[in-house]
PDB file of all heavy atoms in Angstrom:
ATOM      1  N   HIS A   1     102.456 100.724  90.638  1.00  0.00           N
ATOM      2  CA  HIS A   1     102.875  99.265  90.315  1.00  0.00           C
ATOM      3  C   HIS A   1     102.139  98.772  89.066  1.00  0.00           C
ATOM      4  O   HIS A   1     102.647  98.058  88.258  1.00  0.00           O
ATOM      5  CB  HIS A   1     102.582  98.362  91.481  1.00  0.00           C
ATOM      6  CG  HIS A   1     103.496  98.601  92.639  1.00  0.00           C
ATOM      7  ND1 HIS A   1     104.871  98.381  92.516  1.00  0.00           N
ATOM      8  CD2 HIS A   1     103.327  99.118  93.845  1.00  0.00           C
ATOM      9  CE1 HIS A   1     105.446  98.685  93.691  1.00  0.00           C
ATOM     10  NE2 HIS A   1     104.512  99.085  94.501  1.00  0.00           N
ATOM     11  N   THR A   2     100.943  99.247  88.839  1.00  0.00           N
ATOM     12  CA  THR A   2     100.173  98.871  87.705  1.00  0.00           C
ATOM     13  C   THR A   2     100.709  99.436  86.346  1.00  0.00           C
ATOM     14  O   THR A   2     100.695  98.795  85.356  1.00  0.00           O
ATOM     15  CB  THR A   2      98.699  99.241  87.839  1.00  0.00           C
ATOM     16  OG1 THR A   2      98.145  98.713  89.018  1.00  0.00           O
ATOM     17  CG2 THR A   2      97.806  98.744  86.648  1.00  0.00           C
ATOM     18  N   HIS A   3     101.137 100.733  86.425  1.00  0.00           N
ATOM     19  CA  HIS A   3     101.411 101.412  85.154  1.00  0.00           C
ATOM     20  C   HIS A   3     102.910 101.775  84.975  1.00  0.00           C
ATOM     21  O   HIS A   3     103.251 102.276  83.885  1.00  0.00           O
ATOM     22  CB  HIS A   3     100.583 102.668  85.048  1.00  0.00           C
ATOM     23  CG  HIS A   3      99.149 102.361  85.054  1.00  0.00           C
ATOM     24  ND1 HIS A   3      98.478 101.774  83.955  1.00  0.00           N
ATOM     25  CD2 HIS A   3      98.219 102.511  85.998  1.00  0.00           C
ATOM     26  CE1 HIS A   3      97.183 101.607  84.266  1.00  0.00           C
ATOM     27  NE2 HIS A   3      97.012 102.060  85.486  1.00  0.00           N
ATOM     28  N   TYR A   4     103.699 101.530  85.938  1.00  0.00           N
ATOM     29  CA  TYR A   4     105.158 101.933  85.838  1.00  0.00           C
ATOM     30  C   TYR A   4     105.820 101.344  84.645  1.00  0.00           C
ATOM     31  O   TYR A   4     106.471 101.981  83.877  1.00  0.00           O
ATOM     32  CB  TYR A   4     105.907 101.548  87.110  1.00  0.00           C
ATOM     33  CG  TYR A   4     107.397 101.904  86.997  1.00  0.00           C
ATOM     34  CD1 TYR A   4     107.786 103.240  87.367  1.00  0.00           C
ATOM     35  CD2 TYR A   4     108.346 101.045  86.482  1.00  0.00           C
ATOM     36  CE1 TYR A   4     109.123 103.529  87.269  1.00  0.00           C
ATOM     37  CE2 TYR A   4     109.620 101.439  86.332  1.00  0.00           C
ATOM     38  CZ  TYR A   4     110.002 102.713  86.717  1.00  0.00           C
ATOM     39  OH  TYR A   4     111.358 103.025  86.625  1.00  0.00           O
ATOM     40  N   GLU A   5     105.710 100.048  84.432  1.00  0.00           N
ATOM     41  CA  GLU A   5     106.357  99.373  83.302  1.00  0.00           C
ATOM     42  C   GLU A   5     106.017  99.895  81.967  1.00  0.00           C
ATOM     43  O   GLU A   5     106.907 100.129  81.091  1.00  0.00           O
ATOM     44  CB  GLU A   5     106.122  97.817  83.398  1.00  0.00           C
ATOM     45  CG  GLU A   5     107.007  97.041  82.534  1.00  0.00           C
ATOM     46  CD  GLU A   5     108.518  97.158  82.917  1.00  0.00           C
ATOM     47  OE1 GLU A   5     108.842  97.273  84.084  1.00  0.00           O
ATOM     48  OE2 GLU A   5     109.304  97.171  81.929  1.00  0.00           O
ATOM     49  N   ALA A   6     104.736 100.141  81.697  1.00  0.00           N
ATOM     50  CA  ALA A   6     104.234 100.649  80.427  1.00  0.00           C
ATOM     51  C   ALA A   6     104.757 102.039  80.187  1.00  0.00           C
ATOM     52  O   ALA A   6     105.202 102.480  79.121  1.00  0.00           O
ATOM     53  CB  ALA A   6     102.804 100.623  80.314  1.00  0.00           C
ATOM     54  N   MET A   7     104.751 102.898  81.327  1.00  0.00           N
ATOM     55  CA  MET A   7     105.243 104.228  81.235  1.00  0.00           C
ATOM     56  C   MET A   7     106.801 104.214  80.936  1.00  0.00           C
ATOM     57  O   MET A   7     107.231 105.011  80.074  1.00  0.00           O
ATOM     58  CB  MET A   7     104.896 105.031  82.499  1.00  0.00           C
ATOM     59  CG  MET A   7     103.438 105.244  82.713  1.00  0.00           C
ATOM     60  SD  MET A   7     103.040 105.900  84.311  1.00  0.00           S
ATOM     61  CE  MET A   7     103.759 107.551  84.139  1.00  0.00           C
ATOM     62  N   TYR A   8     107.434 103.373  81.619  1.00  0.00           N
ATOM     63  CA  TYR A   8     108.941 103.315  81.421  1.00  0.00           C
ATOM     64  C   TYR A   8     109.253 102.948  79.966  1.00  0.00           C
ATOM     65  O   TYR A   8     110.101 103.462  79.316  1.00  0.00           O
ATOM     66  CB  TYR A   8     109.572 102.285  82.395  1.00  0.00           C
ATOM     67  CG  TYR A   8     111.015 102.067  82.031  1.00  0.00           C
ATOM     68  CD1 TYR A   8     111.975 102.930  82.441  1.00  0.00           C
ATOM     69  CD2 TYR A   8     111.344 100.885  81.375  1.00  0.00           C
ATOM     70  CE1 TYR A   8     113.321 102.745  82.121  1.00  0.00           C
ATOM     71  CE2 TYR A   8     112.726 100.660  81.062  1.00  0.00           C
ATOM     72  CZ  TYR A   8     113.663 101.558  81.410  1.00  0.00           C
ATOM     73  OH  TYR A   8     115.034 101.392  81.078  1.00  0.00           O
ATOM     74  N   ARG A   9     108.555 101.903  79.456  1.00  0.00           N
ATOM     75  CA  ARG A   9     108.776 101.485  78.068  1.00  0.00           C
ATOM     76  C   ARG A   9     108.546 102.601  77.090  1.00  0.00           C
ATOM     77  O   ARG A   9     109.326 102.826  76.183  1.00  0.00           O
ATOM     78  CB  ARG A   9     107.925 100.260  77.703  1.00  0.00           C
ATOM     79  CG  ARG A   9     108.454  98.901  78.237  1.00  0.00           C
ATOM     80  CD  ARG A   9     107.802  97.737  77.590  1.00  0.00           C
ATOM     81  NE  ARG A   9     106.282  97.828  77.596  1.00  0.00           N
ATOM     82  CZ  ARG A   9     105.517  97.334  78.601  1.00  0.00           C
ATOM     83  NH1 ARG A   9     106.101  96.683  79.666  1.00  0.00           N
ATOM     84  NH2 ARG A   9     104.236  97.433  78.527  1.00  0.00           N
ATOM     85  N   GLN A  10     107.478 103.335  77.321  1.00  0.00           N
ATOM     86  CA  GLN A  10     107.235 104.446  76.393  1.00  0.00           C
ATOM     87  C   GLN A  10     108.252 105.503  76.530  1.00  0.00           C
ATOM     88  O   GLN A  10     108.730 106.056  75.510  1.00  0.00           O
ATOM     89  CB  GLN A  10     105.828 105.102  76.626  1.00  0.00           C
ATOM     90  CG  GLN A  10     105.525 106.160  75.636  1.00  0.00           C
ATOM     91  CD  GLN A  10     104.071 106.587  75.679  1.00  0.00           C
ATOM     92  OE1 GLN A  10     103.241 106.156  76.411  1.00  0.00           O
ATOM     93  NE2 GLN A  10     103.758 107.656  74.910  1.00  0.00           N
ATOM     94  N   ALA A  11     108.679 105.793  77.716  1.00  0.00           N
ATOM     95  CA  ALA A  11     109.715 106.792  77.932  1.00  0.00           C
ATOM     96  C   ALA A  11     111.057 106.350  77.269  1.00  0.00           C
ATOM     97  O   ALA A  11     111.753 107.136  76.548  1.00  0.00           O
ATOM     98  CB  ALA A  11     109.938 107.085  79.396  1.00  0.00           C
ATOM     99  N   PHE A  12     111.402 105.112  77.338  1.00  0.00           N
ATOM    100  CA  PHE A  12     112.602 104.518  76.825  1.00  0.00           C
ATOM    101  C   PHE A  12     112.544 104.636  75.262  1.00  0.00           C
ATOM    102  O   PHE A  12     113.534 104.914  74.625  1.00  0.00           O
ATOM    103  CB  PHE A  12     112.870 103.165  77.250  1.00  0.00           C
ATOM    104  CG  PHE A  12     114.177 102.606  76.815  1.00  0.00           C
ATOM    105  CD1 PHE A  12     115.387 103.035  77.384  1.00  0.00           C
ATOM    106  CD2 PHE A  12     114.319 101.785  75.704  1.00  0.00           C
ATOM    107  CE1 PHE A  12     116.591 102.599  76.983  1.00  0.00           C
ATOM    108  CE2 PHE A  12     115.498 101.350  75.248  1.00  0.00           C
ATOM    109  CZ  PHE A  12     116.713 101.744  75.888  1.00  0.00           C
ATOM    110  N   ILE A  13     111.398 104.345  74.661  1.00  0.00           N
ATOM    111  CA  ILE A  13     111.190 104.439  73.266  1.00  0.00           C
ATOM    112  C   ILE A  13     111.506 105.869  72.758  1.00  0.00           C
ATOM    113  O   ILE A  13     112.176 106.098  71.735  1.00  0.00           O
ATOM    114  CB  ILE A  13     109.832 103.975  72.868  1.00  0.00           C
ATOM    115  CG1 ILE A  13     109.706 102.432  72.916  1.00  0.00           C
ATOM    116  CG2 ILE A  13     109.530 104.382  71.385  1.00  0.00           C
ATOM    117  CD1 ILE A  13     108.316 101.959  72.859  1.00  0.00           C
ATOM    118  N   LEU A  14     111.067 106.833  73.541  1.00  0.00           N
ATOM    119  CA  LEU A  14     111.227 108.247  73.137  1.00  0.00           C
ATOM    120  C   LEU A  14     112.616 108.706  73.438  1.00  0.00           C
ATOM    121  O   LEU A  14     113.185 109.566  72.695  1.00  0.00           O
ATOM    122  CB  LEU A  14     110.171 109.125  73.804  1.00  0.00           C
ATOM    123  CG  LEU A  14     108.749 108.859  73.326  1.00  0.00           C
ATOM    124  CD1 LEU A  14     107.715 109.553  74.217  1.00  0.00           C
ATOM    125  CD2 LEU A  14     108.586 109.269  71.866  1.00  0.00           C
ATOM    126  N   LEU A  15     113.182 108.412  74.583  1.00  0.00           N
ATOM    127  CA  LEU A  15     114.439 108.973  75.055  1.00  0.00           C
ATOM    128  C   LEU A  15     115.664 108.185  74.770  1.00  0.00           C
ATOM    129  O   LEU A  15     116.795 108.710  74.830  1.00  0.00           O
ATOM    130  CB  LEU A  15     114.328 109.218  76.588  1.00  0.00           C
ATOM    131  CG  LEU A  15     113.216 110.130  77.046  1.00  0.00           C
ATOM    132  CD1 LEU A  15     113.128 110.208  78.570  1.00  0.00           C
ATOM    133  CD2 LEU A  15     113.423 111.586  76.409  1.00  0.00           C
ATOM    134  N   HIS A  16     115.511 106.836  74.647  1.00  0.00           N
ATOM    135  CA  HIS A  16     116.685 105.929  74.355  1.00  0.00           C
ATOM    136  C   HIS A  16     117.695 105.979  75.433  1.00  0.00           C
ATOM    137  O   HIS A  16     118.861 105.824  75.180  1.00  0.00           O
ATOM    138  CB  HIS A  16     117.320 106.280  72.988  1.00  0.00           C
ATOM    139  CG  HIS A  16     116.380 106.278  71.845  1.00  0.00           C
ATOM    140  ND1 HIS A  16     115.812 105.180  71.336  1.00  0.00           N
ATOM    141  CD2 HIS A  16     115.845 107.337  71.174  1.00  0.00           C
ATOM    142  CE1 HIS A  16     114.985 105.506  70.338  1.00  0.00           C
ATOM    143  NE2 HIS A  16     114.979 106.799  70.199  1.00  0.00           N
ATOM    144  N   ASP A  17     117.288 106.181  76.689  1.00  0.00           N
ATOM    145  CA  ASP A  17     118.220 106.252  77.800  1.00  0.00           C
ATOM    146  C   ASP A  17     117.488 105.718  79.020  1.00  0.00           C
ATOM    147  O   ASP A  17     116.478 106.222  79.392  1.00  0.00           O
ATOM    148  CB  ASP A  17     118.581 107.672  77.984  1.00  0.00           C
ATOM    149  CG  ASP A  17     119.641 107.795  79.103  1.00  0.00           C
ATOM    150  OD1 ASP A  17     119.286 107.749  80.304  1.00  0.00           O
ATOM    151  OD2 ASP A  17     120.800 107.940  78.807  1.00  0.00           O
ATOM    152  N   MET A  18     118.051 104.654  79.637  1.00  0.00           N
ATOM    153  CA  MET A  18     117.426 103.993  80.804  1.00  0.00           C
ATOM    154  C   MET A  18     117.240 104.950  81.972  1.00  0.00           C
ATOM    155  O   MET A  18     116.141 105.027  82.542  1.00  0.00           O
ATOM    156  CB  MET A  18     118.231 102.814  81.163  1.00  0.00           C
ATOM    157  CG  MET A  18     118.110 101.626  80.193  1.00  0.00           C
ATOM    158  SD  MET A  18     119.286 100.273  80.513  1.00  0.00           S
ATOM    159  CE  MET A  18     119.144  99.986  82.178  1.00  0.00           C
ATOM    160  N   GLU A  19     118.297 105.594  82.366  1.00  0.00           N
ATOM    161  CA  GLU A  19     118.231 106.502  83.528  1.00  0.00           C
ATOM    162  C   GLU A  19     117.270 107.669  83.294  1.00  0.00           C
ATOM    163  O   GLU A  19     116.405 108.020  84.163  1.00  0.00           O
ATOM    164  CB  GLU A  19     119.587 107.080  83.848  1.00  0.00           C
ATOM    165  CG  GLU A  19     120.518 106.101  84.574  1.00  0.00           C
ATOM    166  CD  GLU A  19     119.972 105.614  85.919  1.00  0.00           C
ATOM    167  OE1 GLU A  19     119.505 106.522  86.727  1.00  0.00           O
ATOM    168  OE2 GLU A  19     119.985 104.419  86.179  1.00  0.00           O
ATOM    169  N   GLU A  20     117.397 108.239  82.145  1.00  0.00           N
ATOM    170  CA  GLU A  20     116.467 109.387  81.832  1.00  0.00           C
ATOM    171  C   GLU A  20     115.046 108.939  81.847  1.00  0.00           C
ATOM    172  O   GLU A  20     114.141 109.680  82.195  1.00  0.00           O
ATOM    173  CB  GLU A  20     116.903 110.001  80.484  1.00  0.00           C
ATOM    174  CG  GLU A  20     116.687 111.477  80.373  1.00  0.00           C
ATOM    175  CD  GLU A  20     117.401 112.076  79.231  1.00  0.00           C
ATOM    176  OE1 GLU A  20     117.587 111.399  78.180  1.00  0.00           O
ATOM    177  OE2 GLU A  20     117.732 113.200  79.293  1.00  0.00           O
ATOM    178  N   SER A  21     114.793 107.687  81.272  1.00  0.00           N
ATOM    179  CA  SER A  21     113.433 107.182  81.243  1.00  0.00           C
ATOM    180  C   SER A  21     112.902 106.995  82.593  1.00  0.00           C
ATOM    181  O   SER A  21     111.770 107.372  82.944  1.00  0.00           O
ATOM    182  CB  SER A  21     113.442 105.843  80.469  1.00  0.00           C
ATOM    183  OG  SER A  21     113.841 106.089  79.133  1.00  0.00           O
ATOM    184  N   ARG A  22     113.750 106.427  83.518  1.00  0.00           N
ATOM    185  CA  ARG A  22     113.314 106.258  84.922  1.00  0.00           C
ATOM    186  C   ARG A  22     112.990 107.569  85.589  1.00  0.00           C
ATOM    187  O   ARG A  22     112.029 107.703  86.298  1.00  0.00           O
ATOM    188  CB  ARG A  22     114.343 105.520  85.721  1.00  0.00           C
ATOM    189  CG  ARG A  22     114.368 104.038  85.491  1.00  0.00           C
ATOM    190  CD  ARG A  22     115.361 103.323  86.429  1.00  0.00           C
ATOM    191  NE  ARG A  22     115.893 102.264  85.711  1.00  0.00           N
ATOM    192  CZ  ARG A  22     117.155 102.080  85.454  1.00  0.00           C
ATOM    193  NH1 ARG A  22     118.099 102.904  85.848  1.00  0.00           N
ATOM    194  NH2 ARG A  22     117.593 101.022  84.771  1.00  0.00           N
ATOM    195  N   ASP A  23     113.892 108.564  85.337  1.00  0.00           N
ATOM    196  CA  ASP A  23     113.688 109.874  85.940  1.00  0.00           C
ATOM    197  C   ASP A  23     112.365 110.477  85.386  1.00  0.00           C
ATOM    198  O   ASP A  23     111.609 111.197  86.168  1.00  0.00           O
ATOM    199  CB  ASP A  23     114.878 110.812  85.584  1.00  0.00           C
ATOM    200  CG  ASP A  23     116.114 110.406  86.296  1.00  0.00           C
ATOM    201  OD1 ASP A  23     116.023 109.619  87.315  1.00  0.00           O
ATOM    202  OD2 ASP A  23     117.149 110.916  85.951  1.00  0.00           O
ATOM    203  N   ALA A  24     112.061 110.341  84.087  1.00  0.00           N
ATOM    204  CA  ALA A  24     110.803 110.929  83.535  1.00  0.00           C
ATOM    205  C   ALA A  24     109.637 110.369  84.192  1.00  0.00           C
ATOM    206  O   ALA A  24     108.699 111.076  84.527  1.00  0.00           O
ATOM    207  CB  ALA A  24     110.825 110.735  82.073  1.00  0.00           C
ATOM    208  N   VAL A  25     109.580 109.009  84.344  1.00  0.00           N
ATOM    209  CA  VAL A  25     108.455 108.390  85.015  1.00  0.00           C
ATOM    210  C   VAL A  25     108.334 108.866  86.545  1.00  0.00           C
ATOM    211  O   VAL A  25     107.267 109.174  86.970  1.00  0.00           O
ATOM    212  CB  VAL A  25     108.581 106.797  84.941  1.00  0.00           C
ATOM    213  CG1 VAL A  25     107.466 106.199  85.718  1.00  0.00           C
ATOM    214  CG2 VAL A  25     108.525 106.363  83.484  1.00  0.00           C
ATOM    215  N   SER A  26     109.479 108.933  87.130  1.00  0.00           N
ATOM    216  CA  SER A  26     109.440 109.364  88.510  1.00  0.00           C
ATOM    217  C   SER A  26     108.937 110.808  88.621  1.00  0.00           C
ATOM    218  O   SER A  26     108.197 111.173  89.528  1.00  0.00           O
ATOM    219  CB  SER A  26     110.879 109.371  89.148  1.00  0.00           C
ATOM    220  OG  SER A  26     111.308 107.973  89.236  1.00  0.00           O
ATOM    221  N   ASP A  27     109.396 111.640  87.658  1.00  0.00           N
ATOM    222  CA  ASP A  27     108.862 113.081  87.669  1.00  0.00           C
ATOM    223  C   ASP A  27     107.328 113.097  87.504  1.00  0.00           C
ATOM    224  O   ASP A  27     106.684 113.899  88.138  1.00  0.00           O
ATOM    225  CB  ASP A  27     109.553 113.920  86.600  1.00  0.00           C
ATOM    226  CG  ASP A  27     111.016 114.150  86.846  1.00  0.00           C
ATOM    227  OD1 ASP A  27     111.441 114.018  88.030  1.00  0.00           O
ATOM    228  OD2 ASP A  27     111.699 114.551  85.913  1.00  0.00           O
ATOM    229  N   VAL A  28     106.773 112.284  86.618  1.00  0.00           N
ATOM    230  CA  VAL A  28     105.392 112.264  86.388  1.00  0.00           C
ATOM    231  C   VAL A  28     104.650 111.846  87.715  1.00  0.00           C
ATOM    232  O   VAL A  28     103.701 112.546  88.173  1.00  0.00           O
ATOM    233  CB  VAL A  28     104.968 111.339  85.263  1.00  0.00           C
ATOM    234  CG1 VAL A  28     103.453 111.093  85.222  1.00  0.00           C
ATOM    235  CG2 VAL A  28     105.430 111.905  83.886  1.00  0.00           C
ATOM    236  N   PHE A  29     105.164 110.825  88.319  1.00  0.00           N
ATOM    237  CA  PHE A  29     104.453 110.321  89.520  1.00  0.00           C
ATOM    238  C   PHE A  29     104.703 111.314  90.664  1.00  0.00           C
ATOM    239  O   PHE A  29     103.792 111.546  91.515  1.00  0.00           O
ATOM    240  CB  PHE A  29     104.947 108.955  89.963  1.00  0.00           C
ATOM    241  CG  PHE A  29     104.278 107.853  89.282  1.00  0.00           C
ATOM    242  CD1 PHE A  29     104.938 107.039  88.319  1.00  0.00           C
ATOM    243  CD2 PHE A  29     102.916 107.601  89.519  1.00  0.00           C
ATOM    244  CE1 PHE A  29     104.264 106.077  87.675  1.00  0.00           C
ATOM    245  CE2 PHE A  29     102.260 106.550  88.873  1.00  0.00           C
ATOM    246  CZ  PHE A  29     102.931 105.810  87.876  1.00  0.00           C
ATOM    247  N   SER A  30     105.792 111.991  90.706  1.00  0.00           N
ATOM    248  CA  SER A  30     106.059 113.030  91.708  1.00  0.00           C
ATOM    249  C   SER A  30     105.048 114.189  91.608  1.00  0.00           C
ATOM    250  O   SER A  30     104.482 114.699  92.546  1.00  0.00           O
ATOM    251  CB  SER A  30     107.475 113.558  91.590  1.00  0.00           C
ATOM    252  OG  SER A  30     107.722 114.604  92.506  1.00  0.00           O
ATOM    253  N   ARG A  31     104.851 114.613  90.343  1.00  0.00           N
ATOM    254  CA  ARG A  31     103.867 115.628  90.161  1.00  0.00           C
ATOM    255  C   ARG A  31     102.475 115.291  90.477  1.00  0.00           C
ATOM    256  O   ARG A  31     101.673 116.035  90.993  1.00  0.00           O
ATOM    257  CB  ARG A  31     103.921 116.200  88.664  1.00  0.00           C
ATOM    258  CG  ARG A  31     104.984 117.329  88.560  1.00  0.00           C
ATOM    259  CD  ARG A  31     104.850 117.952  87.143  1.00  0.00           C
ATOM    260  NE  ARG A  31     105.754 117.253  86.385  1.00  0.00           N
ATOM    261  CZ  ARG A  31     105.486 116.746  85.170  1.00  0.00           C
ATOM    262  NH1 ARG A  31     104.310 116.837  84.723  1.00  0.00           N
ATOM    263  NH2 ARG A  31     106.338 116.012  84.477  1.00  0.00           N
ATOM    264  N   LEU A  32     102.096 114.016  90.220  1.00  0.00           N
ATOM    265  CA  LEU A  32     100.856 113.479  90.559  1.00  0.00           C
ATOM    266  C   LEU A  32     100.619 113.428  92.059  1.00  0.00           C
ATOM    267  O   LEU A  32      99.571 113.684  92.559  1.00  0.00           O
ATOM    268  CB  LEU A  32     100.523 112.086  89.938  1.00  0.00           C
ATOM    269  CG  LEU A  32     100.281 112.075  88.534  1.00  0.00           C
ATOM    270  CD1 LEU A  32     100.236 110.602  88.030  1.00  0.00           C
ATOM    271  CD2 LEU A  32      98.940 112.797  88.164  1.00  0.00           C
ATOM    272  N   TRP A  33     101.696 113.084  92.758  1.00  0.00           N
ATOM    273  CA  TRP A  33     101.629 113.034  94.252  1.00  0.00           C
ATOM    274  C   TRP A  33     101.450 114.445  94.817  1.00  0.00           C
ATOM    275  O   TRP A  33     100.673 114.662  95.730  1.00  0.00           O
ATOM    276  CB  TRP A  33     102.886 112.414  94.789  1.00  0.00           C
ATOM    277  CG  TRP A  33     102.873 112.346  96.303  1.00  0.00           C
ATOM    278  CD1 TRP A  33     103.487 113.231  97.131  1.00  0.00           C
ATOM    279  CD2 TRP A  33     102.150 111.429  97.127  1.00  0.00           C
ATOM    280  NE1 TRP A  33     103.241 112.852  98.463  1.00  0.00           N
ATOM    281  CE2 TRP A  33     102.436 111.722  98.477  1.00  0.00           C
ATOM    282  CE3 TRP A  33     101.316 110.336  96.849  1.00  0.00           C
ATOM    283  CZ2 TRP A  33     101.873 111.037  99.606  1.00  0.00           C
ATOM    284  CZ3 TRP A  33     100.789 109.608  97.867  1.00  0.00           C
ATOM    285  CH2 TRP A  33     101.108 109.918  99.200  1.00  0.00           C
ATOM    286  N   ASP A  34     102.192 115.410  94.229  1.00  0.00           N
ATOM    287  CA  ASP A  34     102.128 116.811  94.737  1.00  0.00           C
ATOM    288  C   ASP A  34     100.876 117.472  94.332  1.00  0.00           C
ATOM    289  O   ASP A  34     100.416 118.374  95.115  1.00  0.00           O
ATOM    290  CB  ASP A  34     103.350 117.595  94.235  1.00  0.00           C
ATOM    291  CG  ASP A  34     104.684 117.108  94.785  1.00  0.00           C
ATOM    292  OD1 ASP A  34     104.680 116.435  95.814  1.00  0.00           O
ATOM    293  OD2 ASP A  34     105.704 117.451  94.162  1.00  0.00           O
ATOM    294  N   ASN A  35     100.287 117.173  93.257  1.00  0.00           N
ATOM    295  CA  ASN A  35      99.066 117.749  92.685  1.00  0.00           C
ATOM    296  C   ASN A  35      98.023 116.665  92.419  1.00  0.00           C
ATOM    297  O   ASN A  35      97.802 116.324  91.224  1.00  0.00           O
ATOM    298  CB  ASN A  35      99.360 118.589  91.469  1.00  0.00           C
ATOM    299  CG  ASN A  35     100.412 119.609  91.701  1.00  0.00           C
ATOM    300  OD1 ASN A  35     100.299 120.454  92.605  1.00  0.00           O
ATOM    301  ND2 ASN A  35     101.457 119.564  90.861  1.00  0.00           N
ATOM    302  N   PRO A  36      97.384 116.148  93.423  1.00  0.00           N
ATOM    303  CA  PRO A  36      96.514 114.999  93.212  1.00  0.00           C
ATOM    304  C   PRO A  36      95.432 115.343  92.200  1.00  0.00           C
ATOM    305  O   PRO A  36      94.813 116.427  92.215  1.00  0.00           O
ATOM    306  CB  PRO A  36      95.920 114.764  94.581  1.00  0.00           C
ATOM    307  CG  PRO A  36      96.716 115.472  95.581  1.00  0.00           C
ATOM    308  CD  PRO A  36      97.455 116.557  94.804  1.00  0.00           C
ATOM    309  N   THR A  37      95.198 114.430  91.275  1.00  0.00           N
ATOM    310  CA  THR A  37      94.180 114.509  90.246  1.00  0.00           C
ATOM    311  C   THR A  37      93.315 113.308  90.267  1.00  0.00           C
ATOM    312  O   THR A  37      93.825 112.229  90.525  1.00  0.00           O
ATOM    313  CB  THR A  37      94.847 114.611  88.834  1.00  0.00           C
ATOM    314  OG1 THR A  37      95.836 115.635  88.868  1.00  0.00           O
ATOM    315  CG2 THR A  37      93.877 114.832  87.755  1.00  0.00           C
TER     316      THR A  37
END
């Protein structure tokens, strides 16, 4: 909740696609959940 919006904005700047940006952020959080750091 703290960082989703900033991550999404950065992804959108790079990808220029809303769905792809959401997916990219979800993938990052999914990997963090599966491999806690």
